[in-house]
Amino acid sequence: TLPLHQATLQKLEKLQEKRLWETGQVKTYYVELSDILRQYIEHRFEVSALEQTSSELLQSLRFVKMEEPAREKLYSVLLLADLVKFAKEKPMPTENKRSMLLAGEFVRQTRELHQPETPTPPAHV
């Protein structure tokens, strides 16, 4: 099986290939985009991201060790997604592409880094 971040990046790529915003399905695009991110967050940070509003999610993540630029990227994507889903916002095509870019960067910046084991030096006789 793929590491979580790679599986998530594949899901984002598949969503991008659908080009939903180009066919007028902007809301569907943002629903799927935020769901992918929320599933990633739920598994990566063990936060119940799927049952929380974006504000609640961001509050829950305040105790999670995360670089501020990654946090800002997530905030930006979730904010626009909420505006599209609930306030009927119609983002520009560049904003739709930017949201996908930010989502991918967020996943790459927050992926779990597995440290290679330090080899034990050979014992000298």
N, C-alpha and C. Protein backbone atom coordinates (compact mmCIF):
# COMPACT_ATOMS: atom_id res chain seq x y z
N THR A 1 0.84 -1.20 0.00
CA THR A 1 0.00 0.00 0.00
C THR A 1 0.88 1.25 0.00
N LEU A 2 0.34 2.29 -0.57
CA LEU A 2 1.05 3.56 -0.64
C LEU A 2 1.05 4.29 0.70
N PRO A 3 2.08 5.07 0.97
CA PRO A 3 2.03 5.94 2.15
C PRO A 3 0.84 6.90 2.01
N LEU A 4 0.32 7.35 3.14
CA LEU A 4 -0.87 8.21 3.16
C LEU A 4 -0.73 9.42 2.25
N HIS A 5 0.39 10.12 2.32
CA HIS A 5 0.53 11.34 1.51
C HIS A 5 0.52 11.03 0.02
N GLN A 6 1.12 9.91 -0.39
CA GLN A 6 1.12 9.57 -1.81
C GLN A 6 -0.29 9.18 -2.29
N ALA A 7 -1.01 8.43 -1.47
CA ALA A 7 -2.39 8.06 -1.83
C ALA A 7 -3.26 9.31 -1.93
N THR A 8 -3.05 10.25 -1.03
CA THR A 8 -3.82 11.50 -1.05
C THR A 8 -3.48 12.33 -2.27
N LEU A 9 -2.21 12.41 -2.61
CA LEU A 9 -1.80 13.16 -3.81
C LEU A 9 -2.38 12.52 -5.07
N GLN A 10 -2.48 11.20 -5.09
CA GLN A 10 -3.12 10.52 -6.24
C GLN A 10 -4.60 10.89 -6.33
N LYS A 11 -5.28 10.95 -5.18
CA LYS A 11 -6.70 11.33 -5.17
C LYS A 11 -6.86 12.76 -5.69
N LEU A 12 -5.96 13.64 -5.27
CA LEU A 12 -6.02 15.03 -5.74
C LEU A 12 -5.80 15.09 -7.25
N GLU A 13 -4.87 14.29 -7.74
CA GLU A 13 -4.59 14.28 -9.17
C GLU A 13 -5.80 13.77 -9.97
N LYS A 14 -6.45 12.74 -9.46
CA LYS A 14 -7.65 12.21 -10.13
C LYS A 14 -8.76 13.26 -10.16
N LEU A 15 -8.91 13.98 -9.04
CA LEU A 15 -9.91 15.04 -8.99
C LEU A 15 -9.57 16.13 -10.00
N GLN A 16 -8.32 16.49 -10.08
CA GLN A 16 -7.90 17.52 -11.03
C GLN A 16 -8.19 17.09 -12.47
N GLU A 17 -7.96 15.83 -12.77
CA GLU A 17 -8.18 15.30 -14.12
C GLU A 17 -9.66 15.34 -14.51
N LYS A 18 -10.56 15.34 -13.53
CA LYS A 18 -11.99 15.41 -13.84
C LYS A 18 -12.38 16.78 -14.41
N ARG A 19 -11.61 17.83 -14.05
CA ARG A 19 -11.85 19.19 -14.53
C ARG A 19 -13.30 19.63 -14.28
N LEU A 20 -13.79 19.35 -13.08
CA LEU A 20 -15.19 19.62 -12.73
C LEU A 20 -15.55 21.10 -12.86
N TRP A 21 -14.65 21.99 -12.45
CA TRP A 21 -14.98 23.42 -12.49
C TRP A 21 -15.16 23.90 -13.92
N GLU A 22 -14.54 23.21 -14.88
CA GLU A 22 -14.66 23.62 -16.28
C GLU A 22 -16.02 23.25 -16.86
N THR A 23 -16.71 22.32 -16.21
CA THR A 23 -18.04 21.90 -16.69
C THR A 23 -19.15 22.42 -15.78
N GLY A 24 -18.84 23.45 -15.01
CA GLY A 24 -19.85 24.07 -14.17
C GLY A 24 -20.12 23.36 -12.86
N GLN A 25 -19.31 22.37 -12.53
CA GLN A 25 -19.51 21.60 -11.30
C GLN A 25 -18.54 22.07 -10.21
N VAL A 26 -18.54 23.38 -9.98
CA VAL A 26 -17.60 23.98 -9.03
C VAL A 26 -17.87 23.49 -7.61
N LYS A 27 -19.13 23.44 -7.23
CA LYS A 27 -19.46 22.99 -5.88
C LYS A 27 -19.00 21.55 -5.66
N THR A 28 -19.25 20.68 -6.62
CA THR A 28 -18.82 19.28 -6.52
C THR A 28 -17.30 19.20 -6.39
N TYR A 29 -16.61 20.03 -7.15
CA TYR A 29 -15.14 20.08 -7.10
C TYR A 29 -14.67 20.39 -5.67
N TYR A 30 -15.25 21.41 -5.06
CA TYR A 30 -14.82 21.82 -3.73
C TYR A 30 -15.27 20.84 -2.65
N VAL A 31 -16.42 20.21 -2.83
CA VAL A 31 -16.85 19.17 -1.88
C VAL A 31 -15.83 18.04 -1.89
N GLU A 32 -15.46 17.58 -3.09
CA GLU A 32 -14.50 16.48 -3.20
C GLU A 32 -13.12 16.90 -2.70
N LEU A 33 -12.70 18.11 -3.04
CA LEU A 33 -11.39 18.60 -2.61
C LEU A 33 -11.31 18.66 -1.09
N SER A 34 -12.31 19.24 -0.45
CA SER A 34 -12.27 19.33 1.01
C SER A 34 -12.40 17.96 1.66
N ASP A 35 -13.17 17.04 1.05
CA ASP A 35 -13.29 15.69 1.60
C ASP A 35 -11.94 14.96 1.56
N ILE A 36 -11.22 15.11 0.46
CA ILE A 36 -9.89 14.47 0.34
C ILE A 36 -8.97 15.00 1.43
N LEU A 37 -8.95 16.32 1.61
CA LEU A 37 -8.10 16.91 2.64
C LEU A 37 -8.53 16.47 4.03
N ARG A 38 -9.82 16.43 4.27
CA ARG A 38 -10.32 16.04 5.59
C ARG A 38 -9.98 14.57 5.91
N GLN A 39 -10.08 13.70 4.91
CA GLN A 39 -9.71 12.30 5.13
C GLN A 39 -8.22 12.19 5.44
N TYR A 40 -7.42 12.94 4.72
CA TYR A 40 -5.98 12.96 4.97
C TYR A 40 -5.70 13.43 6.40
N ILE A 41 -6.31 14.53 6.79
CA ILE A 41 -6.10 15.10 8.13
C ILE A 41 -6.54 14.10 9.20
N GLU A 42 -7.67 13.45 8.96
CA GLU A 42 -8.18 12.50 9.94
C GLU A 42 -7.17 11.38 10.20
N HIS A 43 -6.58 10.86 9.13
CA HIS A 43 -5.63 9.77 9.29
C HIS A 43 -4.25 10.26 9.73
N ARG A 44 -3.84 11.39 9.22
CA ARG A 44 -2.49 11.89 9.51
C ARG A 44 -2.37 12.44 10.92
N PHE A 45 -3.38 13.19 11.36
CA PHE A 45 -3.29 13.87 12.65
C PHE A 45 -4.25 13.31 13.71
N GLU A 46 -5.01 12.28 13.33
CA GLU A 46 -5.96 11.66 14.26
C GLU A 46 -6.93 12.68 14.85
N VAL A 47 -7.49 13.49 13.97
CA VAL A 47 -8.48 14.50 14.34
C VAL A 47 -9.75 14.15 13.56
N SER A 48 -10.90 14.16 14.22
CA SER A 48 -12.14 13.80 13.52
C SER A 48 -12.57 14.92 12.58
N ALA A 49 -11.88 15.01 11.47
CA ALA A 49 -12.04 16.11 10.52
C ALA A 49 -13.33 16.04 9.72
N LEU A 50 -13.86 14.86 9.53
CA LEU A 50 -15.06 14.71 8.69
C LEU A 50 -16.32 15.19 9.38
N GLU A 51 -16.33 15.18 10.71
CA GLU A 51 -17.53 15.57 11.46
C GLU A 51 -17.50 17.01 11.94
N GLN A 52 -16.46 17.75 11.60
CA GLN A 52 -16.33 19.12 12.10
C GLN A 52 -16.51 20.15 10.99
N THR A 53 -16.97 21.32 11.39
CA THR A 53 -16.98 22.44 10.44
C THR A 53 -15.52 22.83 10.20
N SER A 54 -15.29 23.64 9.19
CA SER A 54 -13.92 24.08 8.92
C SER A 54 -13.34 24.84 10.11
N SER A 55 -14.14 25.70 10.74
CA SER A 55 -13.65 26.44 11.91
C SER A 55 -13.29 25.50 13.05
N GLU A 56 -14.14 24.52 13.29
CA GLU A 56 -13.86 23.56 14.36
C GLU A 56 -12.60 22.76 14.04
N LEU A 57 -12.45 22.39 12.78
CA LEU A 57 -11.28 21.63 12.35
C LEU A 57 -10.00 22.44 12.57
N LEU A 58 -10.03 23.67 12.14
CA LEU A 58 -8.84 24.52 12.31
C LEU A 58 -8.54 24.72 13.80
N GLN A 59 -9.57 24.83 14.62
CA GLN A 59 -9.36 24.93 16.07
C GLN A 59 -8.73 23.65 16.61
N SER A 60 -9.22 22.50 16.15
CA SER A 60 -8.68 21.21 16.60
C SER A 60 -7.21 21.06 16.23
N LEU A 61 -6.83 21.63 15.11
CA LEU A 61 -5.46 21.51 14.62
C LEU A 61 -4.49 22.48 15.29
N ARG A 62 -5.00 23.39 16.11
CA ARG A 62 -4.10 24.38 16.72
C ARG A 62 -3.09 23.73 17.66
N PHE A 63 -3.39 22.51 18.15
CA PHE A 63 -2.46 21.82 19.05
C PHE A 63 -1.56 20.84 18.30
N VAL A 64 -1.78 20.72 17.01
CA VAL A 64 -0.98 19.81 16.19
C VAL A 64 0.27 20.53 15.72
N LYS A 65 1.40 19.84 15.80
CA LYS A 65 2.65 20.45 15.33
C LYS A 65 2.60 20.53 13.80
N MET A 66 2.59 21.77 13.32
CA MET A 66 2.48 22.01 11.88
C MET A 66 3.09 23.38 11.59
N GLU A 67 3.84 23.45 10.52
CA GLU A 67 4.43 24.73 10.13
C GLU A 67 3.31 25.71 9.74
N GLU A 68 3.51 26.97 10.03
CA GLU A 68 2.49 27.99 9.76
C GLU A 68 2.13 28.09 8.28
N PRO A 69 3.10 28.02 7.34
CA PRO A 69 2.70 28.07 5.91
C PRO A 69 1.74 26.94 5.52
N ALA A 70 1.92 25.76 6.07
CA ALA A 70 1.01 24.65 5.77
C ALA A 70 -0.38 24.94 6.34
N ARG A 71 -0.41 25.46 7.54
CA ARG A 71 -1.68 25.82 8.18
C ARG A 71 -2.42 26.86 7.34
N GLU A 72 -1.68 27.85 6.84
CA GLU A 72 -2.28 28.90 6.02
C GLU A 72 -2.83 28.36 4.70
N LYS A 73 -2.13 27.41 4.12
CA LYS A 73 -2.62 26.79 2.88
C LYS A 73 -3.93 26.06 3.12
N LEU A 74 -3.98 25.30 4.20
CA LEU A 74 -5.21 24.57 4.53
C LEU A 74 -6.34 25.55 4.77
N TYR A 75 -6.09 26.60 5.54
CA TYR A 75 -7.11 27.61 5.83
C TYR A 75 -7.64 28.21 4.53
N SER A 76 -6.76 28.55 3.62
CA SER A 76 -7.14 29.16 2.35
C SER A 76 -8.06 28.24 1.53
N VAL A 77 -7.70 26.98 1.45
CA VAL A 77 -8.50 26.02 0.67
C VAL A 77 -9.87 25.81 1.33
N LEU A 78 -9.87 25.60 2.64
CA LEU A 78 -11.14 25.34 3.33
C LEU A 78 -12.07 26.56 3.31
N LEU A 79 -11.50 27.74 3.42
CA LEU A 79 -12.31 28.96 3.39
C LEU A 79 -13.01 29.11 2.04
N LEU A 80 -12.25 28.96 0.96
CA LEU A 80 -12.87 29.08 -0.36
C LEU A 80 -13.87 27.95 -0.60
N ALA A 81 -13.55 26.75 -0.15
CA ALA A 81 -14.48 25.62 -0.30
C ALA A 81 -15.80 25.92 0.42
N ASP A 82 -15.72 26.47 1.62
CA ASP A 82 -16.94 26.82 2.35
C ASP A 82 -17.73 27.90 1.63
N LEU A 83 -17.04 28.89 1.09
CA LEU A 83 -17.74 29.96 0.35
C LEU A 83 -18.46 29.40 -0.87
N VAL A 84 -17.83 28.47 -1.55
CA VAL A 84 -18.46 27.85 -2.73
C VAL A 84 -19.64 26.99 -2.31
N LYS A 85 -19.43 26.17 -1.28
CA LYS A 85 -20.47 25.22 -0.86
C LYS A 85 -21.67 25.89 -0.20
N PHE A 86 -21.43 26.95 0.58
CA PHE A 86 -22.51 27.49 1.38
C PHE A 86 -22.95 28.90 1.00
N ALA A 87 -22.10 29.65 0.32
CA ALA A 87 -22.45 31.03 -0.04
C ALA A 87 -22.54 31.22 -1.55
N LYS A 88 -22.52 30.10 -2.28
CA LYS A 88 -22.66 30.13 -3.74
C LYS A 88 -21.61 31.01 -4.42
N GLU A 89 -20.42 31.07 -3.83
CA GLU A 89 -19.30 31.80 -4.42
C GLU A 89 -18.93 31.17 -5.76
N LYS A 90 -18.57 32.00 -6.72
CA LYS A 90 -18.14 31.53 -8.04
C LYS A 90 -16.69 31.95 -8.25
N PRO A 91 -15.74 31.10 -7.82
CA PRO A 91 -14.33 31.49 -7.95
C PRO A 91 -13.88 31.52 -9.41
N MET A 92 -12.83 32.28 -9.65
CA MET A 92 -12.22 32.35 -10.97
C MET A 92 -11.50 31.03 -11.24
N PRO A 93 -11.33 30.65 -12.51
CA PRO A 93 -10.60 29.41 -12.82
C PRO A 93 -9.21 29.37 -12.18
N THR A 94 -8.54 30.51 -12.09
CA THR A 94 -7.22 30.53 -11.47
C THR A 94 -7.31 30.19 -9.98
N GLU A 95 -8.41 30.56 -9.33
CA GLU A 95 -8.59 30.24 -7.91
C GLU A 95 -8.82 28.75 -7.72
N ASN A 96 -9.54 28.13 -8.66
CA ASN A 96 -9.77 26.69 -8.59
C ASN A 96 -8.45 25.93 -8.72
N LYS A 97 -7.63 26.35 -9.65
CA LYS A 97 -6.32 25.71 -9.84
C LYS A 97 -5.42 25.97 -8.64
N ARG A 98 -5.49 27.17 -8.10
CA ARG A 98 -4.67 27.52 -6.94
C ARG A 98 -5.06 26.68 -5.73
N SER A 99 -6.35 26.44 -5.55
CA SER A 99 -6.81 25.61 -4.43
C SER A 99 -6.22 24.20 -4.53
N MET A 100 -6.19 23.66 -5.74
CA MET A 100 -5.61 22.33 -5.94
C MET A 100 -4.11 22.35 -5.63
N LEU A 101 -3.44 23.38 -6.10
CA LEU A 101 -2.01 23.53 -5.85
C LEU A 101 -1.73 23.63 -4.35
N LEU A 102 -2.49 24.44 -3.65
CA LEU A 102 -2.32 24.61 -2.21
C LEU A 102 -2.61 23.31 -1.46
N ALA A 103 -3.61 22.57 -1.90
CA ALA A 103 -3.95 21.30 -1.26
C ALA A 103 -2.78 20.32 -1.39
N GLY A 104 -2.21 20.24 -2.57
CA GLY A 104 -1.06 19.36 -2.78
C GLY A 104 0.14 19.77 -1.96
N GLU A 105 0.39 21.08 -1.90
CA GLU A 105 1.51 21.57 -1.10
C GLU A 105 1.29 21.29 0.38
N PHE A 106 0.05 21.45 0.85
CA PHE A 106 -0.27 21.15 2.24
C PHE A 106 0.06 19.69 2.57
N VAL A 107 -0.36 18.79 1.70
CA VAL A 107 -0.11 17.36 1.93
C VAL A 107 1.39 17.08 1.93
N ARG A 108 2.11 17.63 0.97
CA ARG A 108 3.56 17.40 0.91
C ARG A 108 4.27 17.98 2.13
N GLN A 109 3.83 19.13 2.60
CA GLN A 109 4.49 19.77 3.74
C GLN A 109 4.17 19.10 5.07
N THR A 110 3.08 18.37 5.13
CA THR A 110 2.68 17.76 6.41
C THR A 110 2.82 16.25 6.40
N ARG A 111 3.38 15.69 5.36
CA ARG A 111 3.49 14.23 5.30
C ARG A 111 4.37 13.74 6.46
N GLU A 112 4.12 12.49 6.81
CA GLU A 112 4.92 11.89 7.87
C GLU A 112 6.28 11.55 7.31
N LEU A 113 7.30 12.00 8.00
CA LEU A 113 8.66 11.70 7.57
C LEU A 113 9.17 10.54 8.40
N HIS A 114 9.45 9.45 7.72
CA HIS A 114 9.99 8.28 8.40
C HIS A 114 11.50 8.37 8.38
N GLN A 115 12.07 8.42 9.54
CA GLN A 115 13.52 8.52 9.65
C GLN A 115 14.12 7.14 9.41
N PRO A 116 15.13 7.06 8.55
CA PRO A 116 15.77 5.77 8.37
C PRO A 116 16.50 5.37 9.65
N GLU A 117 16.52 4.10 9.88
CA GLU A 117 17.21 3.64 11.09
C GLU A 117 18.70 3.86 10.92
N THR A 118 19.32 4.28 11.98
CA THR A 118 20.77 4.47 11.95
C THR A 118 21.43 3.11 12.06
N PRO A 119 22.27 2.77 11.07
CA PRO A 119 22.92 1.45 11.16
C PRO A 119 23.89 1.42 12.34
N THR A 120 23.94 0.28 12.94
CA THR A 120 24.86 0.09 14.06
C THR A 120 26.26 -0.12 13.48
N PRO A 121 27.24 0.64 13.96
CA PRO A 121 28.58 0.44 13.42
C PRO A 121 29.11 -0.94 13.80
N PRO A 122 29.91 -1.54 12.92
CA PRO A 122 30.43 -2.88 13.23
C PRO A 122 31.36 -2.81 14.45
N ALA A 123 31.29 -3.84 15.23
CA ALA A 123 32.15 -3.91 16.43
C ALA A 123 33.56 -4.25 15.98
N HIS A 124 34.52 -3.56 16.57
CA HIS A 124 35.92 -3.84 16.24
C HIS A 124 36.44 -4.92 17.16
N VAL A 125 37.18 -5.84 16.61
CA VAL A 125 37.72 -6.95 17.41
C VAL A 125 39.11 -6.63 17.86
